[in-house]
PDB file of N, CA and C in Angstrom:
ATOM      1  N   MET A   1     122.262 112.529 100.067  1.00  0.00           N
ATOM      2  CA  MET A   1     121.140 111.693 100.495  1.00  0.00           C
ATOM      3  C   MET A   1     119.999 111.296  99.602  1.00  0.00           C
ATOM      4  N   GLU A   2     119.792 109.823  99.297  1.00  0.00           N
ATOM      5  CA  GLU A   2     118.939 109.680  98.244  1.00  0.00           C
ATOM      6  C   GLU A   2     117.596 107.949  98.902  1.00  0.00           C
ATOM      7  N   TYR A   3     116.924 108.106  98.575  1.00  0.00           N
ATOM      8  CA  TYR A   3     116.037 106.312  99.727  1.00  0.00           C
ATOM      9  C   TYR A   3     115.555 106.427  98.456  1.00  0.00           C
ATOM     10  N   LEU A   4     115.505 104.519  99.302  1.00  0.00           N
ATOM     11  CA  LEU A   4     114.773 103.735  98.358  1.00  0.00           C
ATOM     12  C   LEU A   4     114.120 103.763  99.498  1.00  0.00           C
ATOM     13  N   LEU A   5     111.940 102.936  99.036  1.00  0.00           N
ATOM     14  CA  LEU A   5     110.535 103.037  99.575  1.00  0.00           C
ATOM     15  C   LEU A   5     110.450 101.984  99.419  1.00  0.00           C
ATOM     16  N   PHE A   6     110.574 100.644  99.626  1.00  0.00           N
ATOM     17  CA  PHE A   6     109.463  99.686  99.385  1.00  0.00           C
ATOM     18  C   PHE A   6     107.528 100.103 100.449  1.00  0.00           C
ATOM     19  N   THR A   7     106.940 100.062  99.101  1.00  0.00           N
ATOM     20  CA  THR A   7     105.760  99.617  99.685  1.00  0.00           C
ATOM     21  C   THR A   7     104.674  98.455  99.253  1.00  0.00           C
ATOM     22  N   TYR A   8     103.481  98.217  99.315  1.00  0.00           N
ATOM     23  CA  TYR A   8     102.844  98.034  99.410  1.00  0.00           C
ATOM     24  C   TYR A   8     101.776  98.142  99.523  1.00  0.00           C
ATOM     25  N   PRO A   9     100.046  98.522  98.716  1.00  0.00           N
ATOM     26  CA  PRO A   9      98.978  98.863  98.087  1.00  0.00           C
ATOM     27  C   PRO A   9      98.233  98.295  99.752  1.00  0.00           C
ATOM     28  N   ASN A  10      97.469  99.849 100.019  1.00  0.00           N
ATOM     29  CA  ASN A  10      96.150  99.315 101.141  1.00  0.00           C
ATOM     30  C   ASN A  10      96.708  99.448 101.880  1.00  0.00           C
ATOM     31  N   CYS A  11      98.437  99.927 102.670  1.00  0.00           N
ATOM     32  CA  CYS A  11      99.196  99.540 103.591  1.00  0.00           C
ATOM     33  C   CYS A  11      98.825 101.277 104.574  1.00  0.00           C
ATOM     34  N   ASP A  12      98.239 101.618 105.004  1.00  0.00           N
ATOM     35  CA  ASP A  12      97.991 102.950 105.912  1.00  0.00           C
ATOM     36  C   ASP A  12      99.063 103.543 106.485  1.00  0.00           C
ATOM     37  N   LYS A  13      99.560 102.597 107.240  1.00  0.00           N
ATOM     38  CA  LYS A  13     101.758 103.442 107.660  1.00  0.00           C
ATOM     39  C   LYS A  13     102.662 103.499 106.600  1.00  0.00           C
ATOM     40  N   CYS A  14     102.112 102.570 104.907  1.00  0.00           N
ATOM     41  CA  CYS A  14     103.243 103.031 103.710  1.00  0.00           C
ATOM     42  C   CYS A  14     102.301 104.355 102.951  1.00  0.00           C
ATOM     43  N   GLU A  15     101.356 104.697 103.221  1.00  0.00           N
ATOM     44  CA  GLU A  15     101.219 105.774 103.250  1.00  0.00           C
ATOM     45  C   GLU A  15     101.013 106.930 103.518  1.00  0.00           C
ATOM     46  N   GLY A  16     100.603 106.498 104.899  1.00  0.00           N
ATOM     47  CA  GLY A  16     101.751 107.904 105.836  1.00  0.00           C
ATOM     48  C   GLY A  16     103.030 108.247 105.884  1.00  0.00           C
ATOM     49  N   PHE A  17     103.959 106.714 105.540  1.00  0.00           N
ATOM     50  CA  PHE A  17     104.986 107.915 105.320  1.00  0.00           C
ATOM     51  C   PHE A  17     105.448 108.189 104.012  1.00  0.00           C
ATOM     52  N   LYS A  18     104.071 108.024 103.262  1.00  0.00           N
ATOM     53  CA  LYS A  18     105.104 109.131 101.936  1.00  0.00           C
ATOM     54  C   LYS A  18     104.849 109.751 102.364  1.00  0.00           C
ATOM     55  N   ASP A  19     103.651 110.503 102.746  1.00  0.00           N
ATOM     56  CA  ASP A  19     102.818 111.860 102.933  1.00  0.00           C
ATOM     57  C   ASP A  19     104.276 112.722 104.081  1.00  0.00           C
ATOM     58  N   TYR A  20     104.639 112.264 104.698  1.00  0.00           N
ATOM     59  CA  TYR A  20     105.825 112.140 105.080  1.00  0.00           C
ATOM     60  C   TYR A  20     107.222 112.834 104.588  1.00  0.00           C
ATOM     61  N   LEU A  21     107.108 111.876 103.533  1.00  0.00           N
ATOM     62  CA  LEU A  21     108.739 111.781 102.749  1.00  0.00           C
ATOM     63  C   LEU A  21     107.708 113.731 101.752  1.00  0.00           C
ATOM     64  N   LYS A  22     106.751 113.266 101.274  1.00  0.00           N
ATOM     65  CA  LYS A  22     106.582 114.838 100.541  1.00  0.00           C
ATOM     66  C   LYS A  22     106.447 115.818 101.796  1.00  0.00           C
ATOM     67  N   GLN A  23     106.702 115.850 102.548  1.00  0.00           N
ATOM     68  CA  GLN A  23     107.425 117.133 103.244  1.00  0.00           C
ATOM     69  C   GLN A  23     108.687 117.225 104.013  1.00  0.00           C
ATOM     70  N   SER A  24     109.625 115.664 103.798  1.00  0.00           N
ATOM     71  CA  SER A  24     110.082 116.335 104.503  1.00  0.00           C
ATOM     72  C   SER A  24     112.444 116.815 103.041  1.00  0.00           C
ATOM     73  N   GLY A  25     111.434 116.970 101.678  1.00  0.00           N
ATOM     74  CA  GLY A  25     112.487 117.274 100.978  1.00  0.00           C
ATOM     75  C   GLY A  25     113.392 116.465 100.826  1.00  0.00           C
ATOM     76  N   LEU A  26     113.925 115.103 101.290  1.00  0.00           N
ATOM     77  CA  LEU A  26     114.362 113.945 100.562  1.00  0.00           C
ATOM     78  C   LEU A  26     113.868 114.148  99.337  1.00  0.00           C
ATOM     79  N   ASN A  27     115.044 112.892  98.199  1.00  0.00           N
ATOM     80  CA  ASN A  27     114.553 113.135  97.016  1.00  0.00           C
ATOM     81  C   ASN A  27     114.894 111.083  96.639  1.00  0.00           C
ATOM     82  N   GLY A  28     114.144 110.240  96.540  1.00  0.00           N
ATOM     83  CA  GLY A  28     114.863 108.565  96.264  1.00  0.00           C
ATOM     84  C   GLY A  28     113.022 108.634  95.296  1.00  0.00           C
ATOM     85  N   VAL A  29     113.701 106.994  95.338  1.00  0.00           N
ATOM     86  CA  VAL A  29     112.205 106.242  94.067  1.00  0.00           C
ATOM     87  C   VAL A  29     111.373 105.510  95.855  1.00  0.00           C
ATOM     88  N   GLU A  30     110.195 104.813  94.991  1.00  0.00           N
ATOM     89  CA  GLU A  30     108.887 104.545  95.663  1.00  0.00           C
ATOM     90  C   GLU A  30     109.358 103.067  94.996  1.00  0.00           C
ATOM     91  N   TYR A  31     108.656 102.157  95.082  1.00  0.00           N
ATOM     92  CA  TYR A  31     109.037 100.530  94.912  1.00  0.00           C
ATOM     93  C   TYR A  31     107.825  99.838  95.435  1.00  0.00           C
ATOM     94  N   ASN A  32     107.526  99.814  94.513  1.00  0.00           N
ATOM     95  CA  ASN A  32     106.225  98.527  94.739  1.00  0.00           C
ATOM     96  C   ASN A  32     106.066  97.533  94.406  1.00  0.00           C
ATOM     97  N   LEU A  33     105.922  96.092  96.284  1.00  0.00           N
ATOM     98  CA  LEU A  33     106.583  94.551  96.083  1.00  0.00           C
ATOM     99  C   LEU A  33     105.550  93.740  95.975  1.00  0.00           C
ATOM    100  N   THR A  34     104.613  94.670  94.798  1.00  0.00           N
ATOM    101  CA  THR A  34     103.507  93.731  94.079  1.00  0.00           C
ATOM    102  C   THR A  34     104.150  93.585  92.199  1.00  0.00           C
ATOM    103  N   GLN A  35     105.027  94.714  92.693  1.00  0.00           N
ATOM    104  CA  GLN A  35     106.182  94.124  90.940  1.00  0.00           C
ATOM    105  C   GLN A  35     107.033  93.721  91.290  1.00  0.00           C
ATOM    106  N   ARG A  36     107.097  93.004  90.246  1.00  0.00           N
ATOM    107  CA  ARG A  36     108.593  91.626  90.069  1.00  0.00           C
ATOM    108  C   ARG A  36     109.681  91.964  89.867  1.00  0.00           C
ATOM    109  N   ASP A  37     109.755  93.473  89.664  1.00  0.00           N
ATOM    110  CA  ASP A  37     111.516  94.594  89.752  1.00  0.00           C
ATOM    111  C   ASP A  37     111.884  94.823  90.677  1.00  0.00           C
ATOM    112  N   SER A  38     110.683  95.464  91.571  1.00  0.00           N
ATOM    113  CA  SER A  38     111.196  95.703  92.952  1.00  0.00           C
ATOM    114  C   SER A  38     111.227  94.404  94.485  1.00  0.00           C
ATOM    115  N   LYS A  39     110.574  93.970  93.647  1.00  0.00           N
ATOM    116  CA  LYS A  39     110.405  92.401  94.841  1.00  0.00           C
ATOM    117  C   LYS A  39     112.566  92.256  94.840  1.00  0.00           C
ATOM    118  N   LEU A  40     112.579  91.855  92.692  1.00  0.00           N
ATOM    119  CA  LEU A  40     113.899  91.878  92.778  1.00  0.00           C
ATOM    120  C   LEU A  40     115.463  92.660  93.698  1.00  0.00           C
ATOM    121  N   ARG A  41     114.947  94.308  93.195  1.00  0.00           N
ATOM    122  CA  ARG A  41     115.479  95.510  94.066  1.00  0.00           C
ATOM    123  C   ARG A  41     115.310  95.320  95.708  1.00  0.00           C
ATOM    124  N   VAL A  42     114.388  95.135  95.828  1.00  0.00           N
ATOM    125  CA  VAL A  42     114.392  94.415  98.002  1.00  0.00           C
ATOM    126  C   VAL A  42     115.468  93.463  97.706  1.00  0.00           C
ATOM    127  N   ARG A  43     115.684  92.825  97.580  1.00  0.00           N
ATOM    128  CA  ARG A  43     116.834  91.634  97.719  1.00  0.00           C
ATOM    129  C   ARG A  43     118.118  92.014  98.411  1.00  0.00           C
ATOM    130  N   ASP A  44     118.611  92.773  97.685  1.00  0.00           N
ATOM    131  CA  ASP A  44     119.750  93.812  97.791  1.00  0.00           C
ATOM    132  C   ASP A  44     119.592  93.899  99.709  1.00  0.00           C
ATOM    133  N   TYR A  45     119.015  94.543 100.073  1.00  0.00           N
ATOM    134  CA  TYR A  45     118.853  94.848 101.428  1.00  0.00           C
ATOM    135  C   TYR A  45     117.721  93.691 102.435  1.00  0.00           C
ATOM    136  N   LEU A  46     117.673  92.796 102.159  1.00  0.00           N
ATOM    137  CA  LEU A  46     117.384  91.183 102.582  1.00  0.00           C
ATOM    138  C   LEU A  46     117.753  91.440 104.106  1.00  0.00           C
ATOM    139  N   ASP A  47     119.317  91.241 104.771  1.00  0.00           N
ATOM    140  CA  ASP A  47     120.106  91.437 105.193  1.00  0.00           C
ATOM    141  C   ASP A  47     119.601  92.168 106.546  1.00  0.00           C
ATOM    142  N   ARG A  48     119.377  93.407 105.757  1.00  0.00           N
ATOM    143  CA  ARG A  48     119.112  94.518 107.083  1.00  0.00           C
ATOM    144  C   ARG A  48     117.356  95.029 108.057  1.00  0.00           C
ATOM    145  N   ILE A  49     116.842  94.087 106.051  1.00  0.00           N
ATOM    146  CA  ILE A  49     115.399  94.290 106.470  1.00  0.00           C
ATOM    147  C   ILE A  49     114.526  93.866 108.095  1.00  0.00           C
ATOM    148  N   ARG A  50     114.145  94.502 108.674  1.00  0.00           N
ATOM    149  CA  ARG A  50     113.116  94.258 109.957  1.00  0.00           C
ATOM    150  C   ARG A  50     112.235  93.572 109.480  1.00  0.00           C
ATOM    151  N   ARG A  51     112.241  92.212 110.487  1.00  0.00           N
ATOM    152  CA  ARG A  51     110.844  91.045 110.418  1.00  0.00           C
ATOM    153  C   ARG A  51     109.917  91.002 111.386  1.00  0.00           C
ATOM    154  N   ASP A  52     108.726  89.945 111.259  1.00  0.00           N
ATOM    155  CA  ASP A  52     108.429  90.166 112.329  1.00  0.00           C
ATOM    156  C   ASP A  52     108.198  89.575 113.245  1.00  0.00           C
ATOM    157  N   GLU A  53     107.382  88.421 113.682  1.00  0.00           N
ATOM    158  CA  GLU A  53     107.669  87.399 114.591  1.00  0.00           C
ATOM    159  C   GLU A  53     107.481  86.250 114.036  1.00  0.00           C
ATOM    160  N   HIS A  54     106.651  86.714 112.142  1.00  0.00           N
ATOM    161  CA  HIS A  54     106.270  85.734 111.827  1.00  0.00           C
ATOM    162  C   HIS A  54     107.527  85.228 110.582  1.00  0.00           C
ATOM    163  N   GLY A  55     108.904  86.180 110.420  1.00  0.00           N
ATOM    164  CA  GLY A  55     109.304  86.439 109.361  1.00  0.00           C
ATOM    165  C   GLY A  55     109.046  87.462 108.438  1.00  0.00           C
ATOM    166  N   ALA A  56     107.941  87.766 108.526  1.00  0.00           N
ATOM    167  CA  ALA A  56     107.126  89.427 107.319  1.00  0.00           C
ATOM    168  C   ALA A  56     108.111  89.962 107.355  1.00  0.00           C
ATOM    169  N   MET A  57     108.416  90.525 106.519  1.00  0.00           N
ATOM    170  CA  MET A  57     109.166  92.000 105.970  1.00  0.00           C
ATOM    171  C   MET A  57     108.086  93.044 107.207  1.00  0.00           C
ATOM    172  N   VAL A  58     108.577  94.004 107.954  1.00  0.00           N
ATOM    173  CA  VAL A  58     108.047  95.161 108.214  1.00  0.00           C
ATOM    174  C   VAL A  58     107.839  95.935 107.021  1.00  0.00           C
ATOM    175  N   LEU A  59     106.817  96.136 106.756  1.00  0.00           N
ATOM    176  CA  LEU A  59     106.393  97.428 105.940  1.00  0.00           C
ATOM    177  C   LEU A  59     106.300  99.197 106.802  1.00  0.00           C
ATOM    178  N   PRO A  60     106.627 100.237 105.881  1.00  0.00           N
ATOM    179  CA  PRO A  60     106.900  99.938 105.017  1.00  0.00           C
ATOM    180  C   PRO A  60     108.673 100.394 105.365  1.00  0.00           C
ATOM    181  N   ILE A  61     109.362  99.634 104.527  1.00  0.00           N
ATOM    182  CA  ILE A  61     111.214  99.440 104.121  1.00  0.00           C
ATOM    183  C   ILE A  61     111.659 100.616 103.372  1.00  0.00           C
ATOM    184  N   PHE A  62     111.660 101.456 104.724  1.00  0.00           N
ATOM    185  CA  PHE A  62     112.513 102.847 103.811  1.00  0.00           C
ATOM    186  C   PHE A  62     114.370 102.137 103.762  1.00  0.00           C
ATOM    187  N   VAL A  63     115.644 102.640 103.043  1.00  0.00           N
ATOM    188  CA  VAL A  63     116.283 102.249 103.240  1.00  0.00           C
ATOM    189  C   VAL A  63     117.204 103.663 102.553  1.00  0.00           C
ATOM    190  N   LEU A  64     117.435 104.300 103.137  1.00  0.00           N
ATOM    191  CA  LEU A  64     118.209 105.416 103.446  1.00  0.00           C
ATOM    192  C   LEU A  64     119.997 105.236 102.603  1.00  0.00           C
ATOM    193  N   ARG A  65     120.337 106.521 101.630  1.00  0.00           N
ATOM    194  CA  ARG A  65     121.741 105.569 100.911  1.00  0.00           C
ATOM    195  C   ARG A  65     121.908 107.018 100.710  1.00  0.00           C
ATOM    196  N   GLU A  66     123.993 107.436 100.582  1.00  0.00           N
ATOM    197  CA  GLU A  66     124.634 107.831  99.672  1.00  0.00           C
ATOM    198  C   GLU A  66     125.399 107.114  99.244  1.00  0.00           C
ATOM    199  N   ARG A  67     125.816 108.063  97.509  1.00  0.00           N
ATOM    200  CA  ARG A  67     126.919 107.224  97.090  1.00  0.00           C
ATOM    201  C   ARG A  67     126.873 105.941  96.857  1.00  0.00           C
ATOM    202  N   GLU A  68     125.488 104.844  97.244  1.00  0.00           N
ATOM    203  CA  GLU A  68     125.398 103.778  97.007  1.00  0.00           C
ATOM    204  C   GLU A  68     125.634 103.225  98.349  1.00  0.00           C
ATOM    205  N   SER A  69     125.928 104.012  99.583  1.00  0.00           N
ATOM    206  CA  SER A  69     126.528 103.317 100.886  1.00  0.00           C
ATOM    207  C   SER A  69     124.518 103.050 101.380  1.00  0.00           C
ATOM    208  N   VAL A  70     124.695 102.364 102.338  1.00  0.00           N
ATOM    209  CA  VAL A  70     122.959 102.658 102.739  1.00  0.00           C
ATOM    210  C   VAL A  70     124.219 103.274 104.337  1.00  0.00           C
ATOM    211  N   LEU A  71     122.561 104.396 104.944  1.00  0.00           N
ATOM    212  CA  LEU A  71     123.423 104.370 105.768  1.00  0.00           C
ATOM    213  C   LEU A  71     121.932 104.072 106.911  1.00  0.00           C
ATOM    214  N   GLY A  72     120.894 103.624 106.707  1.00  0.00           N
ATOM    215  CA  GLY A  72     119.902 103.259 107.275  1.00  0.00           C
ATOM    216  C   GLY A  72     118.754 102.014 106.645  1.00  0.00           C
ATOM    217  N   VAL A  73     118.236 101.723 107.351  1.00  0.00           N
ATOM    218  CA  VAL A  73     117.119 100.905 107.044  1.00  0.00           C
ATOM    219  C   VAL A  73     115.781 101.306 107.878  1.00  0.00           C
ATOM    220  N   PHE A  74     115.130 101.307 107.491  1.00  0.00           N
ATOM    221  CA  PHE A  74     113.731 101.979 108.875  1.00  0.00           C
ATOM    222  C   PHE A  74     112.290 101.492 107.919  1.00  0.00           C
ATOM    223  N   ASN A  75     111.721 101.551 109.764  1.00  0.00           N
ATOM    224  CA  ASN A  75     110.140 101.535 108.851  1.00  0.00           C
ATOM    225  C   ASN A  75     109.187 102.550 109.410  1.00  0.00           C
ATOM    226  N   THR A  76     108.863 103.587 110.787  1.00  0.00           N
ATOM    227  CA  THR A  76     108.734 104.937 110.637  1.00  0.00           C
ATOM    228  C   THR A  76     109.532 106.344 110.010  1.00  0.00           C
ATOM    229  N   PRO A  77     108.677 106.906 109.902  1.00  0.00           N
ATOM    230  CA  PRO A  77     108.720 108.586 109.757  1.00  0.00           C
ATOM    231  C   PRO A  77     109.393 108.652 111.722  1.00  0.00           C
ATOM    232  N   LEU A  78     109.303 108.551 112.315  1.00  0.00           N
ATOM    233  CA  LEU A  78     109.916 109.037 113.906  1.00  0.00           C
ATOM    234  C   LEU A  78     111.271 108.431 113.935  1.00  0.00           C
ATOM    235  N   GLU A  79     111.123 107.848 113.479  1.00  0.00           N
ATOM    236  CA  GLU A  79     112.583 106.449 113.073  1.00  0.00           C
ATOM    237  C   GLU A  79     114.144 107.519 112.334  1.00  0.00           C
ATOM    238  N   VAL A  80     113.391 107.934 111.253  1.00  0.00           N
ATOM    239  CA  VAL A  80     114.150 107.996 110.177  1.00  0.00           C
ATOM    240  C   VAL A  80     114.736 110.050 111.109  1.00  0.00           C
ATOM    241  N   GLU A  81     113.617 110.326 111.558  1.00  0.00           N
ATOM    242  CA  GLU A  81     113.385 111.924 112.134  1.00  0.00           C
ATOM    243  C   GLU A  81     114.588 111.531 113.315  1.00  0.00           C
ATOM    244  N   SER A  82     114.108 110.711 113.965  1.00  0.00           N
ATOM    245  CA  SER A  82     115.734 109.984 115.025  1.00  0.00           C
ATOM    246  C   SER A  82     117.034 110.636 114.799  1.00  0.00           C
ATOM    247  N   TRP A  83     117.109 109.955 113.503  1.00  0.00           N
ATOM    248  CA  TRP A  83     118.724 108.751 112.841  1.00  0.00           C
ATOM    249  C   TRP A  83     119.666 110.707 112.161  1.00  0.00           C
ATOM    250  N   LEU A  84     118.135 111.134 111.328  1.00  0.00           N
ATOM    251  CA  LEU A  84     118.569 112.662 111.451  1.00  0.00           C
ATOM    252  C   LEU A  84     118.829 113.319 112.304  1.00  0.00           C
ATOM    253  N   LYS A  85     118.509 113.796 113.241  1.00  0.00           N
ATOM    254  CA  LYS A  85     119.121 115.109 114.345  1.00  0.00           C
ATOM    255  C   LYS A  85     120.103 113.959 115.138  1.00  0.00           C
ATOM    256  N   SER A  86     120.011 112.297 114.737  1.00  0.00           N
ATOM    257  CA  SER A  86     121.392 112.673 115.235  1.00  0.00           C
ATOM    258  C   SER A  86     122.650 112.966 114.954  1.00  0.00           C
ATOM    259  N   ARG A  87     122.805 113.168 113.817  1.00  0.00           N
ATOM    260  CA  ARG A  87     123.717 113.372 113.219  1.00  0.00           C
ATOM    261  C   ARG A  87     123.977 114.981 112.818  1.00  0.00           C
ATOM    262  N   ALA A  88     123.131 115.734 113.309  1.00  0.00           N
ATOM    263  CA  ALA A  88     123.032 117.376 112.915  1.00  0.00           C
ATOM    264  C   ALA A  88     124.433 117.970 114.014  1.00  0.00           C
TER     265      ALA A  88
END
């Protein structure tokens, strides 16, 4: 399994997610959504991304993949942990 993490600078939830990932043992790539290539990459997952009541993407966006297949899209470490436990 590998992950893609889409974040934004000065996002406390994004920083918290990064701290979780340092301890998780999961491998992946972080994308800063202020960068053009990151904005293009996140478009691959627009149909799976959670949005708030105003239509904005909920950050951070954590995409868990295996062999190019999307296993899940999550916004909190708790969601990831629950999903991982359900697969154990």
